[in-house]
Amino acid sequence: AGPPPPRPRRRAWPIAVAIGVAALTIVIVAMLGRERSASTPSTAKQVDAELALTDARIASGRLVGPGSDEALDHLLAARSIDAEHPGVRERLRLLAAKFQQLADQAGAAGSLAEAAAHLQAILVLEPDNAAAAARVTEIEEQILARQRRRP
């Protein structure tokens, strides 16, 4: 019984090539994903056009209403094209703040249904806005309480 026979040497290059290919694949996939999420020139133009219409409707006081040519409509269209666009995020905050102001004014004037409508518009813009959702629930309870007191 002598020493064991020498093992055949495994070549390291197939493993190195496999690791290199895997790393390159990861880099390429990451780059492609980044390109897809970035705005293309035509996408940026579409967003800019929707934001211009949003701004014009805000300036004229046409925030929300029937049809599809109000500030909220154009802002939602811009968000559907590129939700991460800085102008979209800015307008979302601006319009939500405007709806909050209108809701506060309506609530102070005793117009609960109008206040709730403005708060619902905030929830369209910011679905995770817990304060607006809680206030809508409060207003609904107040409206129901009013209806129960009526003869």
C-alpha atoms as a PDB file:
ATOM      1  CA  ALA A   1       0.000   0.000   0.000  1.00  0.00           C
ATOM      2  CA  GLY A   2       1.759   3.037  -1.151  1.00  0.00           C
ATOM      3  CA  PRO A   3       0.641   6.580  -1.431  1.00  0.00           C
ATOM      4  CA  PRO A   4      -2.741   7.146  -3.072  1.00  0.00           C
ATOM      5  CA  PRO A   5      -2.667   7.796  -6.774  1.00  0.00           C
ATOM      6  CA  PRO A   6      -2.545  11.487  -7.626  1.00  0.00           C
ATOM      7  CA  ARG A   7      -5.917  13.055  -8.313  1.00  0.00           C
ATOM      8  CA  PRO A   8      -6.393  14.501 -11.699  1.00  0.00           C
ATOM      9  CA  ARG A   9      -6.017  18.266 -11.504  1.00  0.00           C
ATOM     10  CA  ARG A  10      -9.208  20.157 -11.959  1.00  0.00           C
ATOM     11  CA  ARG A  11      -8.944  23.146 -14.060  1.00  0.00           C
ATOM     12  CA  ALA A  12      -9.962  26.366 -12.339  1.00  0.00           C
ATOM     13  CA  TRP A  13     -10.770  28.280 -15.487  1.00  0.00           C
ATOM     14  CA  PRO A  14     -14.289  26.808 -16.039  1.00  0.00           C
ATOM     15  CA  ILE A  15     -15.278  27.925 -12.552  1.00  0.00           C
ATOM     16  CA  ALA A  16     -13.731  31.357 -13.054  1.00  0.00           C
ATOM     17  CA  VAL A  17     -15.534  31.744 -16.386  1.00  0.00           C
ATOM     18  CA  ALA A  18     -18.873  30.711 -14.821  1.00  0.00           C
ATOM     19  CA  ILE A  19     -18.422  33.234 -12.001  1.00  0.00           C
ATOM     20  CA  GLY A  20     -17.446  35.940 -14.487  1.00  0.00           C
ATOM     21  CA  VAL A  21     -20.452  35.231 -16.704  1.00  0.00           C
ATOM     22  CA  ALA A  22     -22.775  35.312 -13.693  1.00  0.00           C
ATOM     23  CA  ALA A  23     -21.324  38.620 -12.487  1.00  0.00           C
ATOM     24  CA  LEU A  24     -21.557  40.135 -15.963  1.00  0.00           C
ATOM     25  CA  THR A  25     -25.166  38.981 -16.277  1.00  0.00           C
ATOM     26  CA  ILE A  26     -26.043  40.640 -12.974  1.00  0.00           C
ATOM     27  CA  VAL A  27     -24.421  43.901 -14.063  1.00  0.00           C
ATOM     28  CA  ILE A  28     -26.192  43.870 -17.439  1.00  0.00           C
ATOM     29  CA  VAL A  29     -29.589  43.129 -15.887  1.00  0.00           C
ATOM     30  CA  ALA A  30     -29.089  45.928 -13.358  1.00  0.00           C
ATOM     31  CA  MET A  31     -28.158  48.380 -16.101  1.00  0.00           C
ATOM     32  CA  LEU A  32     -31.126  47.409 -18.255  1.00  0.00           C
ATOM     33  CA  GLY A  33     -33.455  47.823 -15.297  1.00  0.00           C
ATOM     34  CA  ARG A  34     -32.059  51.274 -14.605  1.00  0.00           C
ATOM     35  CA  GLU A  35     -32.494  52.294 -18.250  1.00  0.00           C
ATOM     36  CA  ARG A  36     -36.103  51.149 -18.295  1.00  0.00           C
ATOM     37  CA  SER A  37     -36.931  53.076 -15.145  1.00  0.00           C
ATOM     38  CA  ALA A  38     -35.267  56.248 -16.368  1.00  0.00           C
ATOM     39  CA  SER A  39     -37.324  58.640 -18.427  1.00  0.00           C
ATOM     40  CA  THR A  40     -36.795  58.512 -22.123  1.00  0.00           C
ATOM     41  CA  PRO A  41     -36.946  61.831 -23.953  1.00  0.00           C
ATOM     42  CA  SER A  42     -40.444  61.094 -25.260  1.00  0.00           C
ATOM     43  CA  THR A  43     -41.622  59.990 -21.811  1.00  0.00           C
ATOM     44  CA  ALA A  44     -40.177  63.134 -20.260  1.00  0.00           C
ATOM     45  CA  LYS A  45     -42.011  65.233 -22.870  1.00  0.00           C
ATOM     46  CA  GLN A  46     -45.282  63.454 -22.072  1.00  0.00           C
ATOM     47  CA  VAL A  47     -44.815  64.048 -18.341  1.00  0.00           C
ATOM     48  CA  ASP A  48     -43.895  67.687 -18.928  1.00  0.00           C
ATOM     49  CA  ALA A  49     -46.994  68.171 -21.100  1.00  0.00           C
ATOM     50  CA  GLU A  50     -49.265  66.640 -18.437  1.00  0.00           C
ATOM     51  CA  LEU A  51     -47.605  68.764 -15.734  1.00  0.00           C
ATOM     52  CA  ALA A  52     -48.118  71.915 -17.815  1.00  0.00           C
ATOM     53  CA  LEU A  53     -51.814  71.066 -18.097  1.00  0.00           C
ATOM     54  CA  THR A  54     -51.906  70.328 -14.356  1.00  0.00           C
ATOM     55  CA  ASP A  55     -50.402  73.728 -13.591  1.00  0.00           C
ATOM     56  CA  ALA A  56     -52.820  75.497 -15.942  1.00  0.00           C
ATOM     57  CA  ARG A  57     -55.834  73.789 -14.351  1.00  0.00           C
ATOM     58  CA  ILE A  58     -54.586  74.590 -10.828  1.00  0.00           C
ATOM     59  CA  ALA A  59     -54.104  78.244 -11.822  1.00  0.00           C
ATOM     60  CA  SER A  60     -57.664  78.415 -13.151  1.00  0.00           C
ATOM     61  CA  GLY A  61     -59.109  76.649 -10.097  1.00  0.00           C
ATOM     62  CA  ARG A  62     -60.104  73.534 -12.011  1.00  0.00           C
ATOM     63  CA  LEU A  63     -58.846  70.958  -9.538  1.00  0.00           C
ATOM     64  CA  VAL A  64     -61.310  68.101  -9.889  1.00  0.00           C
ATOM     65  CA  GLY A  65     -64.614  67.496 -11.603  1.00  0.00           C
ATOM     66  CA  PRO A  66     -66.457  65.520 -14.226  1.00  0.00           C
ATOM     67  CA  GLY A  67     -64.648  64.694 -17.413  1.00  0.00           C
ATOM     68  CA  SER A  68     -60.944  64.151 -17.678  1.00  0.00           C
ATOM     69  CA  ASP A  69     -59.521  67.626 -18.131  1.00  0.00           C
ATOM     70  CA  GLU A  70     -58.968  68.772 -14.554  1.00  0.00           C
ATOM     71  CA  ALA A  71     -55.746  69.189 -12.562  1.00  0.00           C
ATOM     72  CA  LEU A  72     -56.210  65.886 -10.771  1.00  0.00           C
ATOM     73  CA  ASP A  73     -56.740  64.022 -14.063  1.00  0.00           C
ATOM     74  CA  HIS A  74     -53.587  65.398 -15.668  1.00  0.00           C
ATOM     75  CA  LEU A  75     -51.492  64.831 -12.574  1.00  0.00           C
ATOM     76  CA  LEU A  76     -52.628  61.211 -12.355  1.00  0.00           C
ATOM     77  CA  ALA A  77     -51.763  60.779 -16.033  1.00  0.00           C
ATOM     78  CA  ALA A  78     -48.280  62.191 -15.404  1.00  0.00           C
ATOM     79  CA  ARG A  79     -47.862  59.898 -12.391  1.00  0.00           C
ATOM     80  CA  SER A  80     -48.846  56.868 -14.476  1.00  0.00           C
ATOM     81  CA  ILE A  81     -46.095  57.745 -16.960  1.00  0.00           C
ATOM     82  CA  ASP A  82     -43.334  58.400 -14.401  1.00  0.00           C
ATOM     83  CA  ALA A  83     -44.201  58.365 -10.712  1.00  0.00           C
ATOM     84  CA  GLU A  84     -40.613  59.188  -9.743  1.00  0.00           C
ATOM     85  CA  HIS A  85     -40.379  62.357 -11.821  1.00  0.00           C
ATOM     86  CA  PRO A  86     -39.504  65.223  -9.435  1.00  0.00           C
ATOM     87  CA  GLY A  87     -42.170  67.464 -10.967  1.00  0.00           C
ATOM     88  CA  VAL A  88     -44.812  64.795 -10.433  1.00  0.00           C
ATOM     89  CA  ARG A  89     -43.849  64.322  -6.784  1.00  0.00           C
ATOM     90  CA  GLU A  90     -43.840  68.113  -6.259  1.00  0.00           C
ATOM     91  CA  ARG A  91     -47.298  68.534  -7.816  1.00  0.00           C
ATOM     92  CA  LEU A  92     -48.663  65.608  -5.791  1.00  0.00           C
ATOM     93  CA  ARG A  93     -47.627  67.391  -2.582  1.00  0.00           C
ATOM     94  CA  LEU A  94     -48.904  70.752  -3.856  1.00  0.00           C
ATOM     95  CA  LEU A  95     -52.297  69.455  -4.922  1.00  0.00           C
ATOM     96  CA  ALA A  96     -52.730  67.354  -1.777  1.00  0.00           C
ATOM     97  CA  ALA A  97     -51.978  70.448   0.331  1.00  0.00           C
ATOM     98  CA  LYS A  98     -54.548  72.439  -1.682  1.00  0.00           C
ATOM     99  CA  PHE A  99     -57.188  69.739  -1.170  1.00  0.00           C
ATOM    100  CA  GLN A 100     -56.340  69.694   2.551  1.00  0.00           C
ATOM    101  CA  GLN A 101     -56.841  73.458   2.733  1.00  0.00           C
ATOM    102  CA  LEU A 102     -60.193  73.151   0.964  1.00  0.00           C
ATOM    103  CA  ALA A 103     -61.236  70.291   3.246  1.00  0.00           C
ATOM    104  CA  ASP A 104     -60.353  72.343   6.319  1.00  0.00           C
ATOM    105  CA  GLN A 105     -62.334  75.325   5.020  1.00  0.00           C
ATOM    106  CA  ALA A 106     -65.354  73.191   4.173  1.00  0.00           C
ATOM    107  CA  GLY A 107     -65.223  71.455   7.552  1.00  0.00           C
ATOM    108  CA  ALA A 108     -65.018  74.790   9.372  1.00  0.00           C
ATOM    109  CA  ALA A 109     -68.040  75.988   7.403  1.00  0.00           C
ATOM    110  CA  GLY A 110     -69.973  72.849   8.382  1.00  0.00           C
ATOM    111  CA  SER A 111     -70.016  71.414   4.870  1.00  0.00           C
ATOM    112  CA  LEU A 112     -69.048  67.874   5.807  1.00  0.00           C
ATOM    113  CA  ALA A 113     -69.822  66.267   2.450  1.00  0.00           C
ATOM    114  CA  GLU A 114     -67.620  68.801   0.661  1.00  0.00           C
ATOM    115  CA  ALA A 115     -64.822  68.280   3.199  1.00  0.00           C
ATOM    116  CA  ALA A 116     -65.057  64.519   2.693  1.00  0.00           C
ATOM    117  CA  ALA A 117     -64.883  64.943  -1.093  1.00  0.00           C
ATOM    118  CA  HIS A 118     -61.671  66.956  -0.801  1.00  0.00           C
ATOM    119  CA  LEU A 119     -60.200  64.389   1.574  1.00  0.00           C
ATOM    120  CA  GLN A 120     -61.099  61.633  -0.884  1.00  0.00           C
ATOM    121  CA  ALA A 121     -59.148  63.539  -3.546  1.00  0.00           C
ATOM    122  CA  ILE A 122     -56.146  63.537  -1.192  1.00  0.00           C
ATOM    123  CA  LEU A 123     -56.483  59.764  -0.888  1.00  0.00           C
ATOM    124  CA  VAL A 124     -56.449  59.439  -4.667  1.00  0.00           C
ATOM    125  CA  LEU A 125     -53.147  61.315  -4.684  1.00  0.00           C
ATOM    126  CA  GLU A 126     -51.754  59.739  -1.516  1.00  0.00           C
ATOM    127  CA  PRO A 127     -53.446  56.378  -0.846  1.00  0.00           C
ATOM    128  CA  ASP A 128     -51.354  55.842   2.298  1.00  0.00           C
ATOM    129  CA  ASN A 129     -52.355  59.152   3.918  1.00  0.00           C
ATOM    130  CA  ALA A 130     -53.619  57.824   7.245  1.00  0.00           C
ATOM    131  CA  ALA A 131     -54.653  61.259   8.542  1.00  0.00           C
ATOM    132  CA  ALA A 132     -56.923  61.907   5.556  1.00  0.00           C
ATOM    133  CA  ALA A 133     -58.412  58.413   5.794  1.00  0.00           C
ATOM    134  CA  ALA A 134     -59.102  58.855   9.511  1.00  0.00           C
ATOM    135  CA  ARG A 135     -60.722  62.249   8.910  1.00  0.00           C
ATOM    136  CA  VAL A 136     -62.962  60.788   6.197  1.00  0.00           C
ATOM    137  CA  THR A 137     -64.115  58.139   8.675  1.00  0.00           C
ATOM    138  CA  GLU A 138     -64.822  60.835  11.299  1.00  0.00           C
ATOM    139  CA  ILE A 139     -66.803  62.888   8.815  1.00  0.00           C
ATOM    140  CA  GLU A 140     -68.823  59.864   7.713  1.00  0.00           C
ATOM    141  CA  GLU A 141     -69.682  59.182  11.352  1.00  0.00           C
ATOM    142  CA  GLN A 142     -70.713  62.829  11.842  1.00  0.00           C
ATOM    143  CA  ILE A 143     -72.927  62.705   8.754  1.00  0.00           C
ATOM    144  CA  LEU A 144     -74.579  59.495   9.965  1.00  0.00           C
ATOM    145  CA  ALA A 145     -75.124  61.018  13.399  1.00  0.00           C
ATOM    146  CA  ARG A 146     -76.784  64.057  11.787  1.00  0.00           C
ATOM    147  CA  GLN A 147     -79.061  61.821   9.753  1.00  0.00           C
ATOM    148  CA  ARG A 148     -80.114  59.837  12.838  1.00  0.00           C
ATOM    149  CA  ARG A 149     -81.084  63.043  14.666  1.00  0.00           C
ATOM    150  CA  ARG A 150     -83.376  64.170  11.849  1.00  0.00           C
ATOM    151  CA  PRO A 151     -87.054  63.294  12.262  1.00  0.00           C
END
